[in-house]
């Protein structure tokens, strides 16, 4: 039986698959950074489990990875995806939000990030 392309399914699955790919890229980058630091970490899918004393360090490594992989590379994956898939008005609105997470030196500002994607242990 020949393979057929279901365009509707492909269109619906593009964004979720893109997000899963981003999760994997960030996870691997964080693990490389953590390995160099000597910090103990456990990973379940895209969740990181660390001792509470390493919370700020893990957050910093996570957002360094996010920034490096998706915003500051030669061809920033996230920015290019947004430009191709949003209207100019939507992109400009979102771009302002992205900029608020970084200071003028492109350093991530933890106080601007309210969601905590980490499991912290005592």
PDB file of N, CA and C in Angstrom:
ATOM      1  N   UNK A   1       0.851  -1.176   0.000  1.00  0.00           N
ATOM      2  CA  UNK A   1       0.000   0.000   0.000  1.00  0.00           C
ATOM      3  C   UNK A   1       0.900   1.245   0.000  1.00  0.00           C
ATOM      4  N   UNK A   2       0.655   2.191  -0.858  1.00  0.00           N
ATOM      5  CA  UNK A   2       1.492   3.392  -0.911  1.00  0.00           C
ATOM      6  C   UNK A   2       1.256   4.289   0.308  1.00  0.00           C
ATOM      7  N   UNK A   3       2.288   4.987   0.701  1.00  0.00           N
ATOM      8  CA  UNK A   3       2.183   5.926   1.820  1.00  0.00           C
ATOM      9  C   UNK A   3       1.498   7.194   1.330  1.00  0.00           C
ATOM     10  N   UNK A   4       0.509   7.637   2.084  1.00  0.00           N
ATOM     11  CA  UNK A   4      -0.177   8.880   1.729  1.00  0.00           C
ATOM     12  C   UNK A   4       0.004   9.889   2.849  1.00  0.00           C
ATOM     13  N   UNK A   5       0.049  11.130   2.487  1.00  0.00           N
ATOM     14  CA  UNK A   5       0.226  12.204   3.446  1.00  0.00           C
ATOM     15  C   UNK A   5      -1.125  12.769   3.847  1.00  0.00           C
ATOM     16  N   UNK A   6      -1.407  12.740   5.120  1.00  0.00           N
ATOM     17  CA  UNK A   6      -2.631  13.345   5.634  1.00  0.00           C
ATOM     18  C   UNK A   6      -2.282  14.773   6.025  1.00  0.00           C
ATOM     19  N   UNK A   7      -2.615  15.721   5.172  1.00  0.00           N
ATOM     20  CA  UNK A   7      -2.220  17.116   5.386  1.00  0.00           C
ATOM     21  C   UNK A   7      -2.818  17.705   6.664  1.00  0.00           C
ATOM     22  N   UNK A   8      -4.053  17.357   6.968  1.00  0.00           N
ATOM     23  CA  UNK A   8      -4.692  17.903   8.178  1.00  0.00           C
ATOM     24  C   UNK A   8      -3.979  17.407   9.430  1.00  0.00           C
ATOM     25  N   UNK A   9      -3.657  16.109   9.474  1.00  0.00           N
ATOM     26  CA  UNK A   9      -2.930  15.552  10.632  1.00  0.00           C
ATOM     27  C   UNK A   9      -1.541  16.166  10.748  1.00  0.00           C
ATOM     28  N   UNK A  10      -0.889  16.323   9.628  1.00  0.00           N
ATOM     29  CA  UNK A  10       0.453  16.910   9.627  1.00  0.00           C
ATOM     30  C   UNK A  10       0.401  18.334  10.151  1.00  0.00           C
ATOM     31  N   UNK A  11      -0.567  19.103   9.712  1.00  0.00           N
ATOM     32  CA  UNK A  11      -0.710  20.493  10.161  1.00  0.00           C
ATOM     33  C   UNK A  11      -0.976  20.543  11.669  1.00  0.00           C
ATOM     34  N   UNK A  12      -1.864  19.657  12.166  1.00  0.00           N
ATOM     35  CA  UNK A  12      -2.183  19.637  13.594  1.00  0.00           C
ATOM     36  C   UNK A  12      -1.001  19.193  14.449  1.00  0.00           C
ATOM     37  N   UNK A  13      -0.160  18.327  13.911  1.00  0.00           N
ATOM     38  CA  UNK A  13       0.934  17.779  14.713  1.00  0.00           C
ATOM     39  C   UNK A  13       2.216  18.612  14.662  1.00  0.00           C
ATOM     40  N   UNK A  14       2.294  19.574  13.770  1.00  0.00           N
ATOM     41  CA  UNK A  14       3.536  20.344  13.610  1.00  0.00           C
ATOM     42  C   UNK A  14       3.944  21.051  14.887  1.00  0.00           C
ATOM     43  N   UNK A  15       3.070  21.810  15.490  1.00  0.00           N
ATOM     44  CA  UNK A  15       3.422  22.563  16.695  1.00  0.00           C
ATOM     45  C   UNK A  15       3.731  21.651  17.881  1.00  0.00           C
ATOM     46  N   UNK A  16       2.903  20.639  18.186  1.00  0.00           N
ATOM     47  CA  UNK A  16       3.282  19.747  19.296  1.00  0.00           C
ATOM     48  C   UNK A  16       4.628  19.065  19.071  1.00  0.00           C
ATOM     49  N   UNK A  17       4.906  18.627  17.858  1.00  0.00           N
ATOM     50  CA  UNK A  17       6.195  17.995  17.584  1.00  0.00           C
ATOM     51  C   UNK A  17       7.338  18.991  17.723  1.00  0.00           C
ATOM     52  N   UNK A  18       7.112  20.222  17.319  1.00  0.00           N
ATOM     53  CA  UNK A  18       8.111  21.276  17.479  1.00  0.00           C
ATOM     54  C   UNK A  18       8.416  21.496  18.966  1.00  0.00           C
ATOM     55  N   UNK A  19       7.376  21.559  19.779  1.00  0.00           N
ATOM     56  CA  UNK A  19       7.546  21.765  21.220  1.00  0.00           C
ATOM     57  C   UNK A  19       8.298  20.584  21.844  1.00  0.00           C
ATOM     58  N   UNK A  20       7.976  19.367  21.468  1.00  0.00           N
ATOM     59  CA  UNK A  20       8.695  18.195  21.989  1.00  0.00           C
ATOM     60  C   UNK A  20      10.169  18.248  21.605  1.00  0.00           C
ATOM     61  N   UNK A  21      10.441  18.700  20.404  1.00  0.00           N
ATOM     62  CA  UNK A  21      11.823  18.824  19.955  1.00  0.00           C
ATOM     63  C   UNK A  21      12.569  19.873  20.787  1.00  0.00           C
ATOM     64  N   UNK A  22      11.927  20.991  21.066  1.00  0.00           N
ATOM     65  CA  UNK A  22      12.535  22.034  21.907  1.00  0.00           C
ATOM     66  C   UNK A  22      12.826  21.467  23.297  1.00  0.00           C
ATOM     67  N   UNK A  23      11.867  20.752  23.876  1.00  0.00           N
ATOM     68  CA  UNK A  23      12.074  20.142  25.200  1.00  0.00           C
ATOM     69  C   UNK A  23      13.324  19.266  25.209  1.00  0.00           C
ATOM     70  N   UNK A  24      13.472  18.441  24.174  1.00  0.00           N
ATOM     71  CA  UNK A  24      14.618  17.534  24.109  1.00  0.00           C
ATOM     72  C   UNK A  24      15.931  18.303  23.960  1.00  0.00           C
ATOM     73  N   UNK A  25      15.938  19.330  23.122  1.00  0.00           N
ATOM     74  CA  UNK A  25      17.151  20.129  22.939  1.00  0.00           C
ATOM     75  C   UNK A  25      17.574  20.799  24.251  1.00  0.00           C
ATOM     76  N   UNK A  26      16.618  21.384  24.946  1.00  0.00           N
ATOM     77  CA  UNK A  26      16.921  22.057  26.207  1.00  0.00           C
ATOM     78  C   UNK A  26      17.397  21.048  27.247  1.00  0.00           C
ATOM     79  N   UNK A  27      16.705  19.922  27.355  1.00  0.00           N
ATOM     80  CA  UNK A  27      17.081  18.905  28.330  1.00  0.00           C
ATOM     81  C   UNK A  27      18.530  18.465  28.124  1.00  0.00           C
ATOM     82  N   UNK A  28      18.910  18.165  26.911  1.00  0.00           N
ATOM     83  CA  UNK A  28      20.276  17.702  26.649  1.00  0.00           C
ATOM     84  C   UNK A  28      21.304  18.796  26.940  1.00  0.00           C
ATOM     85  N   UNK A  29      20.971  20.023  26.622  1.00  0.00           N
ATOM     86  CA  UNK A  29      21.880  21.132  26.907  1.00  0.00           C
ATOM     87  C   UNK A  29      22.059  21.312  28.418  1.00  0.00           C
ATOM     88  N   UNK A  30      20.948  21.260  29.159  1.00  0.00           N
ATOM     89  CA  UNK A  30      21.013  21.400  30.618  1.00  0.00           C
ATOM     90  C   UNK A  30      21.849  20.274  31.216  1.00  0.00           C
ATOM     91  N   UNK A  31      21.632  19.056  30.749  1.00  0.00           N
ATOM     92  CA  UNK A  31      22.383  17.926  31.294  1.00  0.00           C
ATOM     93  C   UNK A  31      23.885  18.064  31.031  1.00  0.00           C
ATOM     94  N   UNK A  32      24.265  18.574  29.872  1.00  0.00           N
ATOM     95  CA  UNK A  32      25.692  18.805  29.607  1.00  0.00           C
ATOM     96  C   UNK A  32      26.250  19.831  30.586  1.00  0.00           C
ATOM     97  N   UNK A  33      25.489  20.901  30.844  1.00  0.00           N
ATOM     98  CA  UNK A  33      25.938  21.946  31.767  1.00  0.00           C
ATOM     99  C   UNK A  33      26.004  21.422  33.205  1.00  0.00           C
ATOM    100  N   UNK A  34      24.997  20.633  33.615  1.00  0.00           N
ATOM    101  CA  UNK A  34      24.954  20.075  34.968  1.00  0.00           C
ATOM    102  C   UNK A  34      26.118  19.108  35.173  1.00  0.00           C
ATOM    103  N   UNK A  35      26.406  18.294  34.181  1.00  0.00           N
ATOM    104  CA  UNK A  35      27.506  17.333  34.279  1.00  0.00           C
ATOM    105  C   UNK A  35      28.822  18.048  34.568  1.00  0.00           C
ATOM    106  N   UNK A  36      29.042  19.185  33.924  1.00  0.00           N
ATOM    107  CA  UNK A  36      30.268  19.962  34.153  1.00  0.00           C
ATOM    108  C   UNK A  36      30.315  20.546  35.560  1.00  0.00           C
ATOM    109  N   UNK A  37      29.143  20.849  36.134  1.00  0.00           N
ATOM    110  CA  UNK A  37      29.090  21.485  37.450  1.00  0.00           C
ATOM    111  C   UNK A  37      29.206  20.496  38.602  1.00  0.00           C
ATOM    112  N   UNK A  38      28.978  19.207  38.345  1.00  0.00           N
ATOM    113  CA  UNK A  38      29.051  18.199  39.402  1.00  0.00           C
ATOM    114  C   UNK A  38      27.789  18.096  40.245  1.00  0.00           C
ATOM    115  N   UNK A  39      26.739  18.802  39.895  1.00  0.00           N
ATOM    116  CA  UNK A  39      25.484  18.774  40.640  1.00  0.00           C
ATOM    117  C   UNK A  39      24.744  17.462  40.353  1.00  0.00           C
ATOM    118  N   UNK A  40      24.104  16.880  41.375  1.00  0.00           N
ATOM    119  CA  UNK A  40      23.308  15.665  41.191  1.00  0.00           C
ATOM    120  C   UNK A  40      21.927  16.052  40.681  1.00  0.00           C
ATOM    121  N   UNK A  41      21.471  15.350  39.643  1.00  0.00           N
ATOM    122  CA  UNK A  41      20.160  15.645  39.062  1.00  0.00           C
ATOM    123  C   UNK A  41      19.522  14.352  38.584  1.00  0.00           C
ATOM    124  N   UNK A  42      18.211  14.282  38.679  1.00  0.00           N
ATOM    125  CA  UNK A  42      17.432  13.197  38.104  1.00  0.00           C
ATOM    126  C   UNK A  42      16.483  13.814  37.095  1.00  0.00           C
ATOM    127  N   UNK A  43      16.302  13.152  35.971  1.00  0.00           N
ATOM    128  CA  UNK A  43      15.442  13.680  34.915  1.00  0.00           C
ATOM    129  C   UNK A  43      14.356  12.668  34.591  1.00  0.00           C
ATOM    130  N   UNK A  44      13.122  13.142  34.518  1.00  0.00           N
ATOM    131  CA  UNK A  44      11.996  12.325  34.066  1.00  0.00           C
ATOM    132  C   UNK A  44      11.330  13.114  32.944  1.00  0.00           C
ATOM    133  N   UNK A  45      11.455  12.613  31.733  1.00  0.00           N
ATOM    134  CA  UNK A  45      10.977  13.295  30.533  1.00  0.00           C
ATOM    135  C   UNK A  45      11.591  14.695  30.479  1.00  0.00           C
ATOM    136  N   UNK A  46      10.776  15.730  30.653  1.00  0.00           N
ATOM    137  CA  UNK A  46      11.324  17.090  30.620  1.00  0.00           C
ATOM    138  C   UNK A  46      11.266  17.750  32.001  1.00  0.00           C
ATOM    139  N   UNK A  47      11.255  16.925  33.048  1.00  0.00           N
ATOM    140  CA  UNK A  47      11.266  17.438  34.424  1.00  0.00           C
ATOM    141  C   UNK A  47      12.632  17.171  35.058  1.00  0.00           C
ATOM    142  N   UNK A  48      13.100  18.131  35.829  1.00  0.00           N
ATOM    143  CA  UNK A  48      14.383  18.034  36.504  1.00  0.00           C
ATOM    144  C   UNK A  48      14.129  17.931  38.007  1.00  0.00           C
ATOM    145  N   UNK A  49      14.785  16.993  38.663  1.00  0.00           N
ATOM    146  CA  UNK A  49      14.649  16.828  40.104  1.00  0.00           C
ATOM    147  C   UNK A  49      16.023  17.059  40.717  1.00  0.00           C
ATOM    148  N   UNK A  50      16.103  18.086  41.567  1.00  0.00           N
ATOM    149  CA  UNK A  50      17.359  18.440  42.226  1.00  0.00           C
ATOM    150  C   UNK A  50      17.086  18.804  43.680  1.00  0.00           C
ATOM    151  N   UNK A  51      18.145  18.864  44.469  1.00  0.00           N
ATOM    152  CA  UNK A  51      18.022  19.341  45.837  1.00  0.00           C
ATOM    153  C   UNK A  51      17.674  20.830  45.799  1.00  0.00           C
ATOM    154  N   UNK A  52      16.880  21.263  46.753  1.00  0.00           N
ATOM    155  CA  UNK A  52      16.422  22.651  46.784  1.00  0.00           C
ATOM    156  C   UNK A  52      17.583  23.650  46.776  1.00  0.00           C
ATOM    157  N   UNK A  53      18.724  23.296  47.364  1.00  0.00           N
ATOM    158  CA  UNK A  53      19.845  24.237  47.413  1.00  0.00           C
ATOM    159  C   UNK A  53      20.399  24.541  46.017  1.00  0.00           C
ATOM    160  N   UNK A  54      20.041  23.712  45.018  1.00  0.00           N
ATOM    161  CA  UNK A  54      20.520  23.930  43.649  1.00  0.00           C
ATOM    162  C   UNK A  54      19.473  24.607  42.758  1.00  0.00           C
ATOM    163  N   UNK A  55      18.375  25.064  43.355  1.00  0.00           N
ATOM    164  CA  UNK A  55      17.272  25.635  42.577  1.00  0.00           C
ATOM    165  C   UNK A  55      17.730  26.772  41.660  1.00  0.00           C
ATOM    166  N   UNK A  56      18.366  27.773  42.208  1.00  0.00           N
ATOM    167  CA  UNK A  56      18.766  28.925  41.394  1.00  0.00           C
ATOM    168  C   UNK A  56      19.773  28.534  40.326  1.00  0.00           C
ATOM    169  N   UNK A  57      20.693  27.658  40.676  1.00  0.00           N
ATOM    170  CA  UNK A  57      21.698  27.222  39.712  1.00  0.00           C
ATOM    171  C   UNK A  57      21.037  26.476  38.553  1.00  0.00           C
ATOM    172  N   UNK A  58      20.103  25.570  38.866  1.00  0.00           N
ATOM    173  CA  UNK A  58      19.412  24.828  37.817  1.00  0.00           C
ATOM    174  C   UNK A  58      18.602  25.770  36.933  1.00  0.00           C
ATOM    175  N   UNK A  59      17.899  26.702  37.542  1.00  0.00           N
ATOM    176  CA  UNK A  59      17.124  27.672  36.751  1.00  0.00           C
ATOM    177  C   UNK A  59      18.043  28.463  35.821  1.00  0.00           C
ATOM    178  N   UNK A  60      19.181  28.885  36.335  1.00  0.00           N
ATOM    179  CA  UNK A  60      20.130  29.637  35.512  1.00  0.00           C
ATOM    180  C   UNK A  60      20.608  28.787  34.341  1.00  0.00           C
ATOM    181  N   UNK A  61      20.968  27.520  34.607  1.00  0.00           N
ATOM    182  CA  UNK A  61      21.429  26.633  33.544  1.00  0.00           C
ATOM    183  C   UNK A  61      20.319  26.351  32.529  1.00  0.00           C
ATOM    184  N   UNK A  62      19.112  26.199  33.029  1.00  0.00           N
ATOM    185  CA  UNK A  62      17.966  25.952  32.141  1.00  0.00           C
ATOM    186  C   UNK A  62      17.765  27.128  31.192  1.00  0.00           C
ATOM    187  N   UNK A  63      17.745  28.327  31.738  1.00  0.00           N
ATOM    188  CA  UNK A  63      17.461  29.476  30.899  1.00  0.00           C
ATOM    189  C   UNK A  63      18.653  29.897  30.041  1.00  0.00           C
ATOM    190  N   UNK A  64      19.856  29.569  30.476  1.00  0.00           N
ATOM    191  CA  UNK A  64      21.010  29.739  29.596  1.00  0.00           C
ATOM    192  C   UNK A  64      20.856  28.823  28.386  1.00  0.00           C
ATOM    193  N   UNK A  65      20.438  27.597  28.628  1.00  0.00           N
ATOM    194  CA  UNK A  65      20.229  26.644  27.538  1.00  0.00           C
ATOM    195  C   UNK A  65      19.125  27.113  26.599  1.00  0.00           C
ATOM    196  N   UNK A  66      18.028  27.571  27.185  1.00  0.00           N
ATOM    197  CA  UNK A  66      16.913  28.093  26.377  1.00  0.00           C
ATOM    198  C   UNK A  66      17.391  29.232  25.499  1.00  0.00           C
ATOM    199  N   UNK A  67      18.063  30.176  26.109  1.00  0.00           N
ATOM    200  CA  UNK A  67      18.544  31.353  25.384  1.00  0.00           C
ATOM    201  C   UNK A  67      19.543  30.951  24.304  1.00  0.00           C
ATOM    202  N   UNK A  68      20.515  30.125  24.668  1.00  0.00           N
ATOM    203  CA  UNK A  68      21.549  29.723  23.717  1.00  0.00           C
ATOM    204  C   UNK A  68      20.976  28.966  22.525  1.00  0.00           C
ATOM    205  N   UNK A  69      20.074  28.053  22.784  1.00  0.00           N
ATOM    206  CA  UNK A  69      19.547  27.205  21.713  1.00  0.00           C
ATOM    207  C   UNK A  69      18.475  27.877  20.865  1.00  0.00           C
ATOM    208  N   UNK A  70      17.680  28.715  21.481  1.00  0.00           N
ATOM    209  CA  UNK A  70      16.503  29.209  20.768  1.00  0.00           C
ATOM    210  C   UNK A  70      16.520  30.689  20.426  1.00  0.00           C
ATOM    211  N   UNK A  71      17.375  31.461  21.047  1.00  0.00           N
ATOM    212  CA  UNK A  71      17.347  32.895  20.793  1.00  0.00           C
ATOM    213  C   UNK A  71      18.656  33.449  20.251  1.00  0.00           C
ATOM    214  N   UNK A  72      19.789  32.923  20.697  1.00  0.00           N
ATOM    215  CA  UNK A  72      21.060  33.555  20.368  1.00  0.00           C
ATOM    216  C   UNK A  72      21.920  32.784  19.374  1.00  0.00           C
ATOM    217  N   UNK A  73      21.416  31.698  18.831  1.00  0.00           N
ATOM    218  CA  UNK A  73      22.194  30.954  17.852  1.00  0.00           C
ATOM    219  C   UNK A  73      22.218  31.720  16.533  1.00  0.00           C
ATOM    220  N   UNK A  74      23.025  31.255  15.598  1.00  0.00           N
ATOM    221  CA  UNK A  74      23.112  31.901  14.286  1.00  0.00           C
ATOM    222  C   UNK A  74      21.728  32.002  13.644  1.00  0.00           C
ATOM    223  N   UNK A  75      20.966  30.919  13.693  1.00  0.00           N
ATOM    224  CA  UNK A  75      19.599  30.884  13.176  1.00  0.00           C
ATOM    225  C   UNK A  75      18.667  30.499  14.317  1.00  0.00           C
ATOM    226  N   UNK A  76      18.229  31.474  15.114  1.00  0.00           N
ATOM    227  CA  UNK A  76      17.427  31.133  16.305  1.00  0.00           C
ATOM    228  C   UNK A  76      16.131  30.412  15.944  1.00  0.00           C
ATOM    229  N   UNK A  77      16.046  29.185  16.384  1.00  0.00           N
ATOM    230  CA  UNK A  77      14.938  28.300  16.054  1.00  0.00           C
ATOM    231  C   UNK A  77      13.583  28.891  16.429  1.00  0.00           C
ATOM    232  N   UNK A  78      13.457  29.350  17.647  1.00  0.00           N
ATOM    233  CA  UNK A  78      12.175  29.870  18.117  1.00  0.00           C
ATOM    234  C   UNK A  78      11.748  31.114  17.351  1.00  0.00           C
ATOM    235  N   UNK A  79      12.661  32.047  17.166  1.00  0.00           N
ATOM    236  CA  UNK A  79      12.321  33.298  16.483  1.00  0.00           C
ATOM    237  C   UNK A  79      11.897  33.027  15.043  1.00  0.00           C
ATOM    238  N   UNK A  80      12.639  32.176  14.343  1.00  0.00           N
ATOM    239  CA  UNK A  80      12.291  31.857  12.959  1.00  0.00           C
ATOM    240  C   UNK A  80      10.933  31.157  12.873  1.00  0.00           C
ATOM    241  N   UNK A  81      10.660  30.242  13.810  1.00  0.00           N
ATOM    242  CA  UNK A  81       9.370  29.556  13.817  1.00  0.00           C
ATOM    243  C   UNK A  81       8.236  30.556  14.029  1.00  0.00           C
ATOM    244  N   UNK A  82       8.412  31.457  14.994  1.00  0.00           N
ATOM    245  CA  UNK A  82       7.372  32.448  15.267  1.00  0.00           C
ATOM    246  C   UNK A  82       7.145  33.370  14.073  1.00  0.00           C
ATOM    247  N   UNK A  83       8.216  33.814  13.441  1.00  0.00           N
ATOM    248  CA  UNK A  83       8.090  34.703  12.274  1.00  0.00           C
ATOM    249  C   UNK A  83       7.317  34.027  11.145  1.00  0.00           C
ATOM    250  N   UNK A  84       7.548  32.735  10.966  1.00  0.00           N
ATOM    251  CA  UNK A  84       6.905  32.016   9.859  1.00  0.00           C
ATOM    252  C   UNK A  84       5.471  31.627  10.161  1.00  0.00           C
ATOM    253  N   UNK A  85       5.097  31.588  11.442  1.00  0.00           N
ATOM    254  CA  UNK A  85       3.779  31.065  11.792  1.00  0.00           C
ATOM    255  C   UNK A  85       2.832  32.059  12.440  1.00  0.00           C
ATOM    256  N   UNK A  86       3.287  33.275  12.679  1.00  0.00           N
ATOM    257  CA  UNK A  86       2.423  34.298  13.269  1.00  0.00           C
ATOM    258  C   UNK A  86       2.294  35.481  12.312  1.00  0.00           C
ATOM    259  N   UNK A  87       1.211  36.222  12.479  1.00  0.00           N
ATOM    260  CA  UNK A  87       1.099  37.470  11.725  1.00  0.00           C
ATOM    261  C   UNK A  87       2.137  38.444  12.279  1.00  0.00           C
ATOM    262  N   UNK A  88       2.450  39.472  11.535  1.00  0.00           N
ATOM    263  CA  UNK A  88       3.430  40.464  11.985  1.00  0.00           C
ATOM    264  C   UNK A  88       2.982  41.094  13.303  1.00  0.00           C
ATOM    265  N   UNK A  89       1.711  41.382  13.432  1.00  0.00           N
ATOM    266  CA  UNK A  89       1.183  41.979  14.672  1.00  0.00           C
ATOM    267  C   UNK A  89       1.361  41.024  15.856  1.00  0.00           C
ATOM    268  N   UNK A  90       1.030  39.743  15.661  1.00  0.00           N
ATOM    269  CA  UNK A  90       1.189  38.757  16.726  1.00  0.00           C
ATOM    270  C   UNK A  90       2.664  38.581  17.098  1.00  0.00           C
ATOM    271  N   UNK A  91       3.514  38.520  16.085  1.00  0.00           N
ATOM    272  CA  UNK A  91       4.947  38.351  16.346  1.00  0.00           C
ATOM    273  C   UNK A  91       5.501  39.536  17.127  1.00  0.00           C
ATOM    274  N   UNK A  92       5.175  40.748  16.720  1.00  0.00           N
ATOM    275  CA  UNK A  92       5.677  41.938  17.409  1.00  0.00           C
ATOM    276  C   UNK A  92       5.206  41.982  18.856  1.00  0.00           C
ATOM    277  N   UNK A  93       3.966  41.562  19.106  1.00  0.00           N
ATOM    278  CA  UNK A  93       3.439  41.517  20.469  1.00  0.00           C
ATOM    279  C   UNK A  93       4.235  40.528  21.312  1.00  0.00           C
ATOM    280  N   UNK A  94       4.471  39.338  20.785  1.00  0.00           N
ATOM    281  CA  UNK A  94       5.202  38.301  21.511  1.00  0.00           C
ATOM    282  C   UNK A  94       6.676  38.651  21.670  1.00  0.00           C
ATOM    283  N   UNK A  95       7.277  39.260  20.671  1.00  0.00           N
ATOM    284  CA  UNK A  95       8.694  39.622  20.735  1.00  0.00           C
ATOM    285  C   UNK A  95       8.961  40.548  21.914  1.00  0.00           C
ATOM    286  N   UNK A  96       8.045  41.440  22.207  1.00  0.00           N
ATOM    287  CA  UNK A  96       8.198  42.306  23.373  1.00  0.00           C
ATOM    288  C   UNK A  96       8.232  41.514  24.661  1.00  0.00           C
ATOM    289  N   UNK A  97       7.395  40.478  24.751  1.00  0.00           N
ATOM    290  CA  UNK A  97       7.400  39.625  25.940  1.00  0.00           C
ATOM    291  C   UNK A  97       8.707  38.869  26.068  1.00  0.00           C
ATOM    292  N   UNK A  98       9.243  38.374  24.973  1.00  0.00           N
ATOM    293  CA  UNK A  98      10.510  37.642  25.007  1.00  0.00           C
ATOM    294  C   UNK A  98      11.617  38.557  25.507  1.00  0.00           C
ATOM    295  N   UNK A  99      11.639  39.790  25.043  1.00  0.00           N
ATOM    296  CA  UNK A  99      12.688  40.729  25.443  1.00  0.00           C
ATOM    297  C   UNK A  99      12.650  41.061  26.930  1.00  0.00           C
ATOM    298  N   UNK A 100      11.470  41.021  27.559  1.00  0.00           N
ATOM    299  CA  UNK A 100      11.383  41.375  28.979  1.00  0.00           C
ATOM    300  C   UNK A 100      12.091  40.368  29.872  1.00  0.00           C
ATOM    301  N   UNK A 101      12.325  39.149  29.371  1.00  0.00           N
ATOM    302  CA  UNK A 101      12.989  38.132  30.177  1.00  0.00           C
ATOM    303  C   UNK A 101      14.506  38.311  30.213  1.00  0.00           C
ATOM    304  N   UNK A 102      15.027  39.209  29.396  1.00  0.00           N
ATOM    305  CA  UNK A 102      16.469  39.379  29.293  1.00  0.00           C
ATOM    306  C   UNK A 102      16.852  40.830  29.543  1.00  0.00           C
ATOM    307  N   UNK A 103      18.002  41.042  30.185  1.00  0.00           N
ATOM    308  CA  UNK A 103      18.483  42.408  30.342  1.00  0.00           C
ATOM    309  C   UNK A 103      19.247  42.802  29.087  1.00  0.00           C
ATOM    310  N   UNK A 104      19.872  43.969  29.084  1.00  0.00           N
ATOM    311  CA  UNK A 104      20.549  44.478  27.889  1.00  0.00           C
ATOM    312  C   UNK A 104      21.742  43.629  27.475  1.00  0.00           C
ATOM    313  N   UNK A 105      22.267  42.812  28.380  1.00  0.00           N
ATOM    314  CA  UNK A 105      23.401  41.942  28.062  1.00  0.00           C
ATOM    315  C   UNK A 105      22.940  40.524  27.726  1.00  0.00           C
ATOM    316  N   UNK A 106      21.628  40.371  27.453  1.00  0.00           N
ATOM    317  CA  UNK A 106      21.043  39.066  27.141  1.00  0.00           C
ATOM    318  C   UNK A 106      21.184  38.069  28.279  1.00  0.00           C
ATOM    319  N   UNK A 107      21.205  38.547  29.512  1.00  0.00           N
ATOM    320  CA  UNK A 107      21.230  37.671  30.678  1.00  0.00           C
ATOM    321  C   UNK A 107      19.794  37.467  31.139  1.00  0.00           C
ATOM    322  N   UNK A 108      19.438  36.229  31.393  1.00  0.00           N
ATOM    323  CA  UNK A 108      18.074  35.934  31.811  1.00  0.00           C
ATOM    324  C   UNK A 108      17.801  36.502  33.192  1.00  0.00           C
ATOM    325  N   UNK A 109      16.625  37.086  33.392  1.00  0.00           N
ATOM    326  CA  UNK A 109      16.237  37.681  34.662  1.00  0.00           C
ATOM    327  C   UNK A 109      15.198  36.767  35.321  1.00  0.00           C
ATOM    328  N   UNK A 110      15.618  36.012  36.352  1.00  0.00           N
ATOM    329  CA  UNK A 110      14.728  35.046  36.993  1.00  0.00           C
ATOM    330  C   UNK A 110      13.473  35.688  37.563  1.00  0.00           C
ATOM    331  N   UNK A 111      13.576  36.912  38.047  1.00  0.00           N
ATOM    332  CA  UNK A 111      12.407  37.551  38.664  1.00  0.00           C
ATOM    333  C   UNK A 111      11.297  37.810  37.648  1.00  0.00           C
ATOM    334  N   UNK A 112      11.611  37.796  36.347  1.00  0.00           N
ATOM    335  CA  UNK A 112      10.591  38.009  35.325  1.00  0.00           C
ATOM    336  C   UNK A 112       9.890  36.716  34.921  1.00  0.00           C
ATOM    337  N   UNK A 113      10.319  35.598  35.495  1.00  0.00           N
ATOM    338  CA  UNK A 113       9.748  34.312  35.121  1.00  0.00           C
ATOM    339  C   UNK A 113       8.966  33.768  36.301  1.00  0.00           C
ATOM    340  N   UNK A 114       7.653  33.709  36.190  1.00  0.00           N
ATOM    341  CA  UNK A 114       6.795  33.345  37.315  1.00  0.00           C
ATOM    342  C   UNK A 114       6.487  31.856  37.417  1.00  0.00           C
ATOM    343  N   UNK A 115       6.569  31.130  36.326  1.00  0.00           N
ATOM    344  CA  UNK A 115       6.236  29.707  36.336  1.00  0.00           C
ATOM    345  C   UNK A 115       7.463  28.923  36.757  1.00  0.00           C
ATOM    346  N   UNK A 116       7.284  27.949  37.638  1.00  0.00           N
ATOM    347  CA  UNK A 116       8.414  27.142  38.108  1.00  0.00           C
ATOM    348  C   UNK A 116       8.287  25.731  37.527  1.00  0.00           C
ATOM    349  N   UNK A 117       9.057  25.395  36.471  1.00  0.00           N
ATOM    350  CA  UNK A 117       8.937  24.067  35.855  1.00  0.00           C
ATOM    351  C   UNK A 117       9.795  23.005  36.542  1.00  0.00           C
ATOM    352  N   UNK A 118      10.186  23.222  37.797  1.00  0.00           N
ATOM    353  CA  UNK A 118      11.123  22.336  38.462  1.00  0.00           C
ATOM    354  C   UNK A 118      10.494  21.652  39.667  1.00  0.00           C
ATOM    355  N   UNK A 119      10.951  20.432  39.953  1.00  0.00           N
ATOM    356  CA  UNK A 119      10.584  19.722  41.168  1.00  0.00           C
ATOM    357  C   UNK A 119      11.776  19.881  42.106  1.00  0.00           C
ATOM    358  N   UNK A 120      11.542  20.445  43.258  1.00  0.00           N
ATOM    359  CA  UNK A 120      12.623  20.724  44.195  1.00  0.00           C
ATOM    360  C   UNK A 120      12.462  19.831  45.434  1.00  0.00           C
ATOM    361  N   UNK A 121      13.560  19.257  45.896  1.00  0.00           N
ATOM    362  CA  UNK A 121      13.486  18.359  47.049  1.00  0.00           C
ATOM    363  C   UNK A 121      14.308  18.918  48.199  1.00  0.00           C
ATOM    364  N   UNK A 122      13.987  18.485  49.419  1.00  0.00           N
ATOM    365  CA  UNK A 122      14.764  18.888  50.593  1.00  0.00           C
ATOM    366  C   UNK A 122      15.839  17.887  50.891  1.00  0.00           C
TER     367      UNK A 122
END
